[in-house]
Amino acid sequence: MSEIFNTKEQEKDKEQEKDIKKEKDKEKKKQKDKQKKEKDKEDTGDDSKDINNKDKERKKEKDKKKDKDKQKDKDKDKQKDKDKDKDKDKKKDKKKDKQKEKEKEKEKEKRRQKQIQKEIDKETQQLVAQATGKYGHIFIMGMYEPILFDMPVIQKKSWDKVLPSYSDKRLIDLISKMLIYSPEKRITALEV
């Protein structure tokens, strides 16, 4: 046990010696630093001004670089915003184009429906003219004008007599509505 105690004491002594050496080294460094500073003050004089000026110039250059970098970043952000705005405008234009196309398609469909209705009206009027014998129409390039024929007047017959084999009242009613001479009173294809 005495051996262990001795080794511990030796270790403590060694640590104390190390600490003392460290403190001495620190003091020596401080003294050397003081001496260097004093020498620099004596030697430099004008040189210290040049060094200060160079330091200031370096700082200015660094600041300029930072400003340029900031400006570049701002420019990049602005460009990104412009690109986003352009993309939004393109999307809006595409939507407008699609809406215009839809409107054109609707107009085409309306024209087609009107054309179909005109053709149905023409056929109906021809049937009426054949059935009644009083009025007819001249069809020229899609336009028609009513003209009066000098035809004998025929008495109206009931549809039951004309179509005796059909007993369905709905069919007879439909045919009679389709063969009304006046276009305003006549049933349309869509109403059928």
N, C-alpha and C. Protein backbone atom coordinates (compact mmCIF):
# COMPACT_ATOMS: atom_id res chain seq x y z
N MET A 1 0.81 -1.17 0.00
CA MET A 1 0.00 0.00 0.00
C MET A 1 0.87 1.25 0.00
N SER A 2 1.91 1.16 0.66
CA SER A 2 2.83 2.29 0.68
C SER A 2 3.34 2.58 -0.71
N GLU A 3 3.45 1.54 -1.52
CA GLU A 3 3.92 1.74 -2.89
C GLU A 3 2.89 2.52 -3.70
N ILE A 4 1.64 2.19 -3.51
CA ILE A 4 0.57 2.89 -4.23
C ILE A 4 0.55 4.35 -3.81
N PHE A 5 0.70 4.57 -2.53
CA PHE A 5 0.70 5.94 -2.02
C PHE A 5 1.86 6.72 -2.62
N ASN A 6 3.02 6.08 -2.71
CA ASN A 6 4.20 6.73 -3.28
C ASN A 6 3.98 7.08 -4.75
N THR A 7 3.41 6.18 -5.49
CA THR A 7 3.18 6.45 -6.92
C THR A 7 2.18 7.57 -7.10
N LYS A 8 1.19 7.64 -6.26
CA LYS A 8 0.22 8.72 -6.35
C LYS A 8 0.88 10.06 -6.05
N GLU A 9 1.73 10.06 -5.06
CA GLU A 9 2.44 11.30 -4.72
C GLU A 9 3.35 11.73 -5.86
N GLN A 10 3.97 10.75 -6.47
CA GLN A 10 4.86 11.07 -7.59
C GLN A 10 4.06 11.64 -8.75
N GLU A 11 2.91 11.09 -8.98
CA GLU A 11 2.07 11.60 -10.07
C GLU A 11 1.63 13.03 -9.78
N LYS A 12 1.27 13.29 -8.56
CA LYS A 12 0.87 14.64 -8.19
C LYS A 12 2.02 15.61 -8.37
N ASP A 13 3.20 15.19 -7.96
CA ASP A 13 4.38 16.03 -8.12
C ASP A 13 4.64 16.33 -9.60
N LYS A 14 4.50 15.33 -10.43
CA LYS A 14 4.72 15.52 -11.86
C LYS A 14 3.70 16.49 -12.44
N GLU A 15 2.47 16.38 -12.04
CA GLU A 15 1.42 17.28 -12.53
C GLU A 15 1.70 18.71 -12.09
N GLN A 16 2.14 18.87 -10.86
CA GLN A 16 2.47 20.21 -10.38
C GLN A 16 3.63 20.80 -11.17
N GLU A 17 4.61 19.99 -11.45
CA GLU A 17 5.75 20.45 -12.25
C GLU A 17 5.29 20.87 -13.64
N LYS A 18 4.39 20.10 -14.23
CA LYS A 18 3.88 20.43 -15.57
C LYS A 18 3.13 21.75 -15.53
N ASP A 19 2.30 21.93 -14.52
CA ASP A 19 1.55 23.18 -14.39
C ASP A 19 2.49 24.37 -14.24
N ILE A 20 3.53 24.19 -13.47
CA ILE A 20 4.50 25.27 -13.27
C ILE A 20 5.18 25.60 -14.59
N LYS A 21 5.54 24.58 -15.36
CA LYS A 21 6.19 24.81 -16.65
C LYS A 21 5.25 25.55 -17.59
N LYS A 22 3.98 25.17 -17.58
CA LYS A 22 3.01 25.83 -18.45
C LYS A 22 2.88 27.31 -18.11
N GLU A 23 2.84 27.60 -16.84
CA GLU A 23 2.73 29.00 -16.42
C GLU A 23 3.97 29.79 -16.83
N LYS A 24 5.13 29.18 -16.69
CA LYS A 24 6.38 29.85 -17.10
C LYS A 24 6.37 30.10 -18.61
N ASP A 25 5.91 29.09 -19.37
CA ASP A 25 5.85 29.24 -20.83
C ASP A 25 4.90 30.38 -21.21
N LYS A 26 3.77 30.47 -20.53
CA LYS A 26 2.82 31.53 -20.82
C LYS A 26 3.43 32.90 -20.56
N GLU A 27 4.13 33.02 -19.44
CA GLU A 27 4.78 34.29 -19.10
C GLU A 27 5.83 34.66 -20.12
N LYS A 28 6.61 33.67 -20.56
CA LYS A 28 7.63 33.93 -21.58
C LYS A 28 6.98 34.42 -22.88
N LYS A 29 5.85 33.78 -23.28
CA LYS A 29 5.16 34.19 -24.50
C LYS A 29 4.65 35.61 -24.38
N LYS A 30 4.10 35.93 -23.24
CA LYS A 30 3.61 37.29 -23.03
C LYS A 30 4.72 38.30 -23.16
N GLN A 31 5.86 37.98 -22.57
CA GLN A 31 7.00 38.89 -22.65
C GLN A 31 7.47 39.04 -24.09
N LYS A 32 7.53 37.92 -24.81
CA LYS A 32 7.96 37.98 -26.21
C LYS A 32 6.98 38.82 -27.03
N ASP A 33 5.70 38.63 -26.79
CA ASP A 33 4.68 39.40 -27.52
C ASP A 33 4.82 40.89 -27.24
N LYS A 34 5.09 41.23 -25.97
CA LYS A 34 5.28 42.65 -25.61
C LYS A 34 6.49 43.22 -26.33
N GLN A 35 7.54 42.44 -26.34
CA GLN A 35 8.76 42.91 -27.01
C GLN A 35 8.52 43.10 -28.51
N LYS A 36 7.79 42.17 -29.12
CA LYS A 36 7.51 42.30 -30.55
C LYS A 36 6.68 43.54 -30.83
N LYS A 37 5.69 43.76 -30.01
CA LYS A 37 4.85 44.94 -30.20
C LYS A 37 5.65 46.22 -30.09
N GLU A 38 6.54 46.26 -29.10
CA GLU A 38 7.37 47.45 -28.93
C GLU A 38 8.28 47.66 -30.13
N LYS A 39 8.88 46.57 -30.60
CA LYS A 39 9.75 46.67 -31.79
C LYS A 39 8.95 47.14 -32.99
N ASP A 40 7.74 46.58 -33.16
CA ASP A 40 6.90 46.95 -34.30
C ASP A 40 6.55 48.43 -34.23
N LYS A 41 6.28 48.91 -33.04
CA LYS A 41 5.95 50.33 -32.90
C LYS A 41 7.13 51.19 -33.28
N GLU A 42 8.30 50.80 -32.83
CA GLU A 42 9.49 51.57 -33.13
C GLU A 42 9.84 51.49 -34.60
N ASP A 43 9.77 50.27 -35.17
CA ASP A 43 10.19 50.06 -36.56
C ASP A 43 9.16 50.59 -37.56
N THR A 44 7.94 50.37 -37.30
CA THR A 44 6.94 50.63 -38.33
C THR A 44 6.67 52.10 -38.54
N GLY A 45 6.27 52.82 -37.62
CA GLY A 45 5.99 54.24 -37.80
C GLY A 45 5.09 54.45 -38.99
N ASP A 46 5.68 54.77 -40.20
CA ASP A 46 4.95 54.99 -41.44
C ASP A 46 4.39 53.68 -41.99
N ASP A 47 5.12 52.59 -41.73
CA ASP A 47 4.66 51.30 -42.25
C ASP A 47 3.30 50.92 -41.68
N SER A 48 3.06 51.29 -40.44
CA SER A 48 1.78 50.94 -39.83
C SER A 48 0.63 51.66 -40.57
N LYS A 49 0.89 52.87 -41.04
CA LYS A 49 -0.13 53.59 -41.79
C LYS A 49 -0.42 52.86 -43.10
N ASP A 50 0.65 52.40 -43.77
CA ASP A 50 0.47 51.67 -45.02
C ASP A 50 -0.32 50.39 -44.79
N ILE A 51 0.02 49.71 -43.71
CA ILE A 51 -0.69 48.46 -43.39
C ILE A 51 -2.16 48.75 -43.12
N ASN A 52 -2.40 49.83 -42.37
CA ASN A 52 -3.79 50.20 -42.08
C ASN A 52 -4.54 50.54 -43.37
N ASN A 53 -3.87 51.27 -44.26
CA ASN A 53 -4.49 51.62 -45.54
C ASN A 53 -4.78 50.36 -46.37
N LYS A 54 -3.83 49.46 -46.38
CA LYS A 54 -4.04 48.21 -47.11
C LYS A 54 -5.21 47.42 -46.52
N ASP A 55 -5.26 47.39 -45.18
CA ASP A 55 -6.38 46.70 -44.54
C ASP A 55 -7.71 47.33 -44.92
N LYS A 56 -7.71 48.66 -44.93
CA LYS A 56 -8.94 49.36 -45.30
C LYS A 56 -9.33 49.05 -46.74
N GLU A 57 -8.35 49.04 -47.61
CA GLU A 57 -8.62 48.73 -49.02
C GLU A 57 -9.15 47.31 -49.18
N ARG A 58 -8.57 46.39 -48.45
CA ARG A 58 -9.03 45.01 -48.50
C ARG A 58 -10.48 44.92 -48.02
N LYS A 59 -10.76 45.63 -46.93
CA LYS A 59 -12.13 45.63 -46.41
C LYS A 59 -13.10 46.21 -47.44
N LYS A 60 -12.67 47.29 -48.09
CA LYS A 60 -13.52 47.91 -49.11
C LYS A 60 -13.77 46.94 -50.27
N GLU A 61 -12.72 46.26 -50.68
CA GLU A 61 -12.86 45.29 -51.77
C GLU A 61 -13.81 44.16 -51.37
N LYS A 62 -13.66 43.70 -50.13
CA LYS A 62 -14.53 42.64 -49.64
C LYS A 62 -15.98 43.13 -49.62
N ASP A 63 -16.17 44.37 -49.15
CA ASP A 63 -17.51 44.94 -49.10
C ASP A 63 -18.10 45.07 -50.51
N LYS A 64 -17.25 45.50 -51.46
CA LYS A 64 -17.72 45.61 -52.84
C LYS A 64 -18.14 44.25 -53.39
N LYS A 65 -17.33 43.25 -53.10
CA LYS A 65 -17.67 41.89 -53.56
C LYS A 65 -18.99 41.44 -52.96
N LYS A 66 -19.15 41.70 -51.66
CA LYS A 66 -20.40 41.33 -51.00
C LYS A 66 -21.58 42.04 -51.64
N ASP A 67 -21.41 43.35 -51.91
CA ASP A 67 -22.47 44.12 -52.55
C ASP A 67 -22.80 43.57 -53.93
N LYS A 68 -21.74 43.22 -54.69
CA LYS A 68 -21.97 42.64 -56.02
C LYS A 68 -22.71 41.32 -55.92
N ASP A 69 -22.32 40.50 -54.95
CA ASP A 69 -22.99 39.22 -54.76
C ASP A 69 -24.46 39.43 -54.39
N LYS A 70 -24.70 40.40 -53.51
CA LYS A 70 -26.08 40.70 -53.13
C LYS A 70 -26.88 41.17 -54.33
N GLN A 71 -26.26 42.03 -55.14
CA GLN A 71 -26.94 42.54 -56.33
C GLN A 71 -27.24 41.41 -57.31
N LYS A 72 -26.28 40.50 -57.47
CA LYS A 72 -26.50 39.35 -58.35
C LYS A 72 -27.68 38.52 -57.85
N ASP A 73 -27.71 38.30 -56.53
CA ASP A 73 -28.80 37.53 -55.96
C ASP A 73 -30.15 38.22 -56.20
N LYS A 74 -30.15 39.54 -56.03
CA LYS A 74 -31.39 40.30 -56.28
C LYS A 74 -31.80 40.18 -57.74
N ASP A 75 -30.83 40.30 -58.64
CA ASP A 75 -31.13 40.19 -60.07
C ASP A 75 -31.69 38.81 -60.41
N LYS A 76 -31.09 37.78 -59.80
CA LYS A 76 -31.58 36.42 -60.03
C LYS A 76 -33.02 36.28 -59.55
N ASP A 77 -33.30 36.85 -58.36
CA ASP A 77 -34.66 36.79 -57.82
C ASP A 77 -35.64 37.52 -58.73
N LYS A 78 -35.21 38.68 -59.24
CA LYS A 78 -36.07 39.44 -60.15
C LYS A 78 -36.34 38.64 -61.41
N GLN A 79 -35.31 38.00 -61.94
CA GLN A 79 -35.46 37.20 -63.15
C GLN A 79 -36.41 36.03 -62.91
N LYS A 80 -36.28 35.41 -61.74
CA LYS A 80 -37.18 34.31 -61.40
C LYS A 80 -38.62 34.80 -61.35
N ASP A 81 -38.83 35.98 -60.72
CA ASP A 81 -40.17 36.55 -60.64
C ASP A 81 -40.72 36.84 -62.04
N LYS A 82 -39.86 37.38 -62.91
CA LYS A 82 -40.29 37.66 -64.28
C LYS A 82 -40.67 36.38 -64.99
N ASP A 83 -39.88 35.34 -64.80
CA ASP A 83 -40.18 34.05 -65.43
C ASP A 83 -41.51 33.50 -64.93
N LYS A 84 -41.74 33.63 -63.62
CA LYS A 84 -43.01 33.17 -63.06
C LYS A 84 -44.17 33.94 -63.66
N ASP A 85 -44.01 35.27 -63.78
CA ASP A 85 -45.06 36.09 -64.37
C ASP A 85 -45.32 35.68 -65.82
N LYS A 86 -44.24 35.40 -66.57
CA LYS A 86 -44.40 34.97 -67.96
C LYS A 86 -45.17 33.65 -68.01
N ASP A 87 -44.83 32.74 -67.12
CA ASP A 87 -45.53 31.46 -67.08
C ASP A 87 -47.01 31.65 -66.78
N LYS A 88 -47.30 32.54 -65.83
CA LYS A 88 -48.69 32.82 -65.49
C LYS A 88 -49.42 33.40 -66.70
N ASP A 89 -48.76 34.34 -67.40
CA ASP A 89 -49.37 34.95 -68.58
C ASP A 89 -49.63 33.90 -69.65
N LYS A 90 -48.68 32.99 -69.84
CA LYS A 90 -48.86 31.93 -70.83
C LYS A 90 -50.06 31.06 -70.47
N LYS A 91 -50.17 30.72 -69.19
CA LYS A 91 -51.30 29.91 -68.75
C LYS A 91 -52.62 30.63 -68.99
N LYS A 92 -52.64 31.94 -68.69
CA LYS A 92 -53.85 32.72 -68.92
C LYS A 92 -54.19 32.74 -70.40
N ASP A 93 -53.17 32.93 -71.24
CA ASP A 93 -53.40 32.95 -72.69
C ASP A 93 -53.95 31.61 -73.16
N LYS A 94 -53.40 30.51 -72.63
CA LYS A 94 -53.89 29.19 -73.00
C LYS A 94 -55.35 29.03 -72.61
N LYS A 95 -55.71 29.50 -71.40
CA LYS A 95 -57.09 29.41 -70.95
C LYS A 95 -58.00 30.21 -71.86
N LYS A 96 -57.55 31.42 -72.23
CA LYS A 96 -58.35 32.26 -73.13
C LYS A 96 -58.52 31.58 -74.48
N ASP A 97 -57.45 30.99 -74.99
CA ASP A 97 -57.53 30.30 -76.28
C ASP A 97 -58.52 29.13 -76.20
N LYS A 98 -58.47 28.39 -75.11
CA LYS A 98 -59.40 27.28 -74.94
C LYS A 98 -60.84 27.77 -74.89
N GLN A 99 -61.06 28.89 -74.17
CA GLN A 99 -62.40 29.45 -74.10
C GLN A 99 -62.88 29.90 -75.48
N LYS A 100 -61.98 30.52 -76.24
CA LYS A 100 -62.35 30.95 -77.59
C LYS A 100 -62.69 29.76 -78.46
N GLU A 101 -61.90 28.70 -78.35
CA GLU A 101 -62.18 27.49 -79.13
C GLU A 101 -63.53 26.91 -78.75
N LYS A 102 -63.83 26.88 -77.45
CA LYS A 102 -65.12 26.38 -77.01
C LYS A 102 -66.26 27.23 -77.56
N GLU A 103 -66.07 28.56 -77.53
CA GLU A 103 -67.10 29.45 -78.06
C GLU A 103 -67.28 29.23 -79.55
N LYS A 104 -66.18 29.04 -80.28
CA LYS A 104 -66.28 28.77 -81.72
C LYS A 104 -67.04 27.47 -81.97
N GLU A 105 -66.71 26.45 -81.17
CA GLU A 105 -67.41 25.17 -81.32
C GLU A 105 -68.90 25.32 -81.05
N LYS A 106 -69.25 26.11 -80.02
CA LYS A 106 -70.66 26.35 -79.72
C LYS A 106 -71.35 27.05 -80.87
N GLU A 107 -70.67 28.06 -81.44
CA GLU A 107 -71.23 28.78 -82.59
C GLU A 107 -71.44 27.83 -83.77
N LYS A 108 -70.45 26.98 -84.03
CA LYS A 108 -70.58 26.01 -85.13
C LYS A 108 -71.78 25.09 -84.88
N GLU A 109 -71.92 24.65 -83.65
CA GLU A 109 -73.03 23.77 -83.31
C GLU A 109 -74.37 24.48 -83.50
N LYS A 110 -74.43 25.75 -83.09
CA LYS A 110 -75.67 26.53 -83.29
C LYS A 110 -75.99 26.66 -84.77
N ARG A 111 -74.96 26.98 -85.57
CA ARG A 111 -75.18 27.10 -87.03
C ARG A 111 -75.66 25.78 -87.62
N ARG A 112 -75.05 24.68 -87.18
CA ARG A 112 -75.44 23.37 -87.67
C ARG A 112 -76.89 23.06 -87.30
N GLN A 113 -77.27 23.39 -86.07
CA GLN A 113 -78.65 23.16 -85.63
C GLN A 113 -79.62 24.01 -86.45
N LYS A 114 -79.22 25.26 -86.72
CA LYS A 114 -80.08 26.12 -87.54
C LYS A 114 -80.23 25.55 -88.94
N GLN A 115 -79.13 25.07 -89.50
CA GLN A 115 -79.16 24.49 -90.84
C GLN A 115 -80.08 23.27 -90.88
N ILE A 116 -79.97 22.43 -89.87
CA ILE A 116 -80.83 21.25 -89.79
C ILE A 116 -82.29 21.67 -89.69
N GLN A 117 -82.57 22.69 -88.87
CA GLN A 117 -83.94 23.18 -88.71
C GLN A 117 -84.47 23.72 -90.03
N LYS A 118 -83.62 24.45 -90.77
CA LYS A 118 -84.04 24.99 -92.07
C LYS A 118 -84.39 23.86 -93.03
N GLU A 119 -83.55 22.84 -93.05
CA GLU A 119 -83.81 21.70 -93.94
C GLU A 119 -85.10 21.01 -93.56
N ILE A 120 -85.33 20.84 -92.27
CA ILE A 120 -86.58 20.22 -91.82
C ILE A 120 -87.76 21.10 -92.22
N ASP A 121 -87.63 22.42 -92.04
CA ASP A 121 -88.69 23.34 -92.42
C ASP A 121 -88.98 23.26 -93.91
N LYS A 122 -87.94 23.18 -94.73
CA LYS A 122 -88.12 23.08 -96.19
C LYS A 122 -88.91 21.83 -96.55
N GLU A 123 -88.52 20.71 -95.97
CA GLU A 123 -89.19 19.45 -96.26
C GLU A 123 -90.65 19.50 -95.82
N THR A 124 -90.86 20.08 -94.65
CA THR A 124 -92.22 20.18 -94.12
C THR A 124 -93.07 21.06 -95.02
N GLN A 125 -92.51 22.18 -95.45
CA GLN A 125 -93.26 23.09 -96.32
C GLN A 125 -93.61 22.43 -97.65
N GLN A 126 -92.67 21.64 -98.16
CA GLN A 126 -92.96 20.92 -99.40
C GLN A 126 -94.10 19.94 -99.20
N LEU A 127 -94.08 19.24 -98.07
CA LEU A 127 -95.16 18.30 -97.77
C LEU A 127 -96.50 19.02 -97.65
N VAL A 128 -96.49 20.18 -96.98
CA VAL A 128 -97.72 20.94 -96.80
C VAL A 128 -98.23 21.40 -98.16
N ALA A 129 -97.32 21.89 -99.01
CA ALA A 129 -97.73 22.37 -100.32
C ALA A 129 -98.33 21.22 -101.13
N GLN A 130 -97.74 20.06 -101.01
CA GLN A 130 -98.28 18.90 -101.73
C GLN A 130 -99.63 18.48 -101.16
N ALA A 131 -99.77 18.56 -99.83
CA ALA A 131 -101.01 18.11 -99.20
C ALA A 131 -102.15 19.09 -99.42
N THR A 132 -101.89 20.40 -99.29
CA THR A 132 -102.96 21.38 -99.39
C THR A 132 -103.18 21.85 -100.82
N GLY A 133 -102.11 21.97 -101.56
CA GLY A 133 -102.25 22.40 -102.94
C GLY A 133 -102.42 23.89 -103.09
N LYS A 134 -102.41 24.65 -102.02
CA LYS A 134 -102.64 26.09 -102.11
C LYS A 134 -101.35 26.87 -102.27
N TYR A 135 -100.37 26.65 -101.37
CA TYR A 135 -99.15 27.42 -101.37
C TYR A 135 -97.94 26.52 -101.59
N GLY A 136 -96.94 27.06 -102.15
CA GLY A 136 -95.69 26.35 -102.31
C GLY A 136 -94.54 27.33 -102.10
N HIS A 137 -93.33 26.86 -102.17
CA HIS A 137 -92.17 27.72 -101.98
C HIS A 137 -91.14 27.42 -103.05
N ILE A 138 -90.43 28.46 -103.47
CA ILE A 138 -89.32 28.29 -104.39
C ILE A 138 -88.05 28.33 -103.55
N PHE A 139 -87.22 27.30 -103.66
CA PHE A 139 -85.99 27.22 -102.90
C PHE A 139 -84.81 27.52 -103.82
N ILE A 140 -84.10 28.63 -103.56
CA ILE A 140 -82.94 29.00 -104.36
C ILE A 140 -81.78 29.26 -103.41
N MET A 141 -80.73 28.48 -103.53
CA MET A 141 -79.51 28.64 -102.74
C MET A 141 -79.81 28.86 -101.26
N GLY A 142 -80.66 28.03 -100.71
CA GLY A 142 -80.94 28.10 -99.28
C GLY A 142 -81.97 29.15 -98.91
N MET A 143 -82.41 29.96 -99.85
CA MET A 143 -83.41 30.99 -99.56
C MET A 143 -84.72 30.56 -100.22
N TYR A 144 -85.79 30.92 -99.65
CA TYR A 144 -87.07 30.58 -100.26
C TYR A 144 -88.02 31.77 -100.14
N GLU A 145 -88.92 31.83 -101.11
CA GLU A 145 -89.95 32.87 -101.11
C GLU A 145 -91.28 32.19 -101.34
N PRO A 146 -92.28 32.58 -100.59
CA PRO A 146 -93.59 31.97 -100.82
C PRO A 146 -94.20 32.48 -102.12
N ILE A 147 -94.82 31.60 -102.83
CA ILE A 147 -95.55 32.01 -104.04
C ILE A 147 -96.93 31.38 -103.99
N LEU A 148 -97.86 31.97 -104.68
CA LEU A 148 -99.24 31.50 -104.69
C LEU A 148 -99.48 30.69 -105.96
N PHE A 149 -99.99 29.48 -105.78
CA PHE A 149 -100.34 28.64 -106.92
C PHE A 149 -101.84 28.76 -107.16
N ASP A 150 -102.20 28.75 -108.39
CA ASP A 150 -103.63 28.68 -108.72
C ASP A 150 -104.00 27.22 -108.85
N MET A 151 -104.31 26.63 -107.72
CA MET A 151 -104.66 25.23 -107.68
C MET A 151 -106.10 25.12 -107.17
N PRO A 152 -106.75 24.05 -107.50
CA PRO A 152 -108.12 23.89 -106.99
C PRO A 152 -108.11 23.70 -105.47
N VAL A 153 -109.10 24.24 -104.82
CA VAL A 153 -109.23 24.12 -103.37
C VAL A 153 -109.82 22.76 -103.05
N ILE A 154 -109.14 22.06 -102.15
CA ILE A 154 -109.58 20.73 -101.76
C ILE A 154 -110.04 20.81 -100.31
N GLN A 155 -111.16 20.19 -100.05
CA GLN A 155 -111.70 20.19 -98.70
C GLN A 155 -110.78 19.36 -97.78
N LYS A 156 -110.73 19.79 -96.52
CA LYS A 156 -109.91 19.11 -95.53
C LYS A 156 -110.57 17.79 -95.17
N LYS A 157 -109.71 16.76 -95.03
CA LYS A 157 -110.21 15.45 -94.64
C LYS A 157 -109.63 15.13 -93.27
N SER A 158 -110.35 14.39 -92.48
CA SER A 158 -109.83 14.01 -91.17
C SER A 158 -108.76 12.94 -91.37
N TRP A 159 -107.84 12.92 -90.43
CA TRP A 159 -106.72 11.98 -90.53
C TRP A 159 -107.18 10.53 -90.31
N ASP A 160 -108.27 10.38 -89.64
CA ASP A 160 -108.80 9.03 -89.44
C ASP A 160 -109.19 8.39 -90.78
N LYS A 161 -109.68 9.24 -91.69
CA LYS A 161 -110.07 8.74 -93.00
C LYS A 161 -108.84 8.53 -93.90
N VAL A 162 -107.84 9.43 -93.73
CA VAL A 162 -106.65 9.32 -94.56
C VAL A 162 -105.80 8.12 -94.11
N LEU A 163 -105.70 7.93 -92.81
CA LEU A 163 -104.91 6.81 -92.26
C LEU A 163 -105.82 5.89 -91.44
N PRO A 164 -106.68 5.12 -92.07
CA PRO A 164 -107.63 4.30 -91.31
C PRO A 164 -106.95 3.13 -90.59
N SER A 165 -105.81 2.67 -91.10
CA SER A 165 -105.18 1.51 -90.47
C SER A 165 -104.47 1.87 -89.17
N TYR A 166 -104.23 3.17 -88.94
CA TYR A 166 -103.56 3.60 -87.71
C TYR A 166 -104.60 4.07 -86.71
N SER A 167 -104.68 3.41 -85.60
CA SER A 167 -105.64 3.80 -84.59
C SER A 167 -104.98 4.54 -83.43
N ASP A 168 -103.65 4.72 -83.51
CA ASP A 168 -102.91 5.39 -82.43
C ASP A 168 -103.15 6.90 -82.54
N LYS A 169 -103.80 7.46 -81.54
CA LYS A 169 -104.16 8.88 -81.54
C LYS A 169 -102.91 9.77 -81.45
N ARG A 170 -101.89 9.28 -80.75
CA ARG A 170 -100.67 10.09 -80.62
C ARG A 170 -99.98 10.27 -81.96
N LEU A 171 -99.93 9.24 -82.77
CA LEU A 171 -99.31 9.32 -84.09
C LEU A 171 -100.07 10.28 -84.98
N ILE A 172 -101.36 10.18 -84.95
CA ILE A 172 -102.18 11.07 -85.78
C ILE A 172 -102.03 12.51 -85.32
N ASP A 173 -101.98 12.72 -84.01
CA ASP A 173 -101.80 14.07 -83.47
C ASP A 173 -100.44 14.63 -83.89
N LEU A 174 -99.42 13.82 -83.84
CA LEU A 174 -98.07 14.24 -84.24
C LEU A 174 -98.04 14.62 -85.71
N ILE A 175 -98.61 13.81 -86.55
CA ILE A 175 -98.61 14.11 -87.99
C ILE A 175 -99.36 15.40 -88.27
N SER A 176 -100.48 15.60 -87.61
CA SER A 176 -101.26 16.82 -87.85
C SER A 176 -100.50 18.06 -87.38
N LYS A 177 -99.75 17.94 -86.29
CA LYS A 177 -98.95 19.08 -85.81
C LYS A 177 -97.77 19.35 -86.74
N MET A 178 -97.22 18.31 -87.33
CA MET A 178 -96.08 18.47 -88.22
C MET A 178 -96.48 19.09 -89.56
N LEU A 179 -97.72 18.88 -89.96
CA LEU A 179 -98.16 19.35 -91.27
C LEU A 179 -98.94 20.66 -91.21
N ILE A 180 -98.83 21.38 -90.13
CA ILE A 180 -99.43 22.72 -90.05
C ILE A 180 -98.63 23.63 -90.96
N TYR A 181 -99.32 24.41 -91.75
CA TYR A 181 -98.65 25.21 -92.78
C TYR A 181 -97.82 26.35 -92.17
N SER A 182 -98.34 27.07 -91.21
CA SER A 182 -97.65 28.23 -90.64
C SER A 182 -96.44 27.77 -89.83
N PRO A 183 -95.23 28.25 -90.20
CA PRO A 183 -94.03 27.81 -89.48
C PRO A 183 -94.04 28.16 -88.00
N GLU A 184 -94.69 29.26 -87.65
CA GLU A 184 -94.73 29.66 -86.23
C GLU A 184 -95.58 28.69 -85.41
N LYS A 185 -96.63 28.15 -86.01
CA LYS A 185 -97.53 27.25 -85.30
C LYS A 185 -97.08 25.80 -85.39
N ARG A 186 -96.28 25.48 -86.38
CA ARG A 186 -95.83 24.11 -86.63
C ARG A 186 -94.90 23.64 -85.53
N ILE A 187 -94.97 22.38 -85.19
CA ILE A 187 -94.09 21.78 -84.19
C ILE A 187 -92.69 21.63 -84.80
N THR A 188 -91.65 21.86 -83.98
CA THR A 188 -90.27 21.76 -84.48
C THR A 188 -89.74 20.37 -84.22
N ALA A 189 -88.60 20.06 -84.86
CA ALA A 189 -87.99 18.74 -84.70
C ALA A 189 -87.57 18.52 -83.25
N LEU A 190 -87.12 19.56 -82.60
CA LEU A 190 -86.68 19.43 -81.21
C LEU A 190 -87.87 19.18 -80.28
N GLU A 191 -89.02 19.74 -80.60
CA GLU A 191 -90.21 19.53 -79.77
C GLU A 191 -90.77 18.12 -79.95
N VAL A 192 -90.52 17.54 -81.11
CA VAL A 192 -91.02 16.18 -81.37
C VAL A 192 -90.32 15.25 -80.40
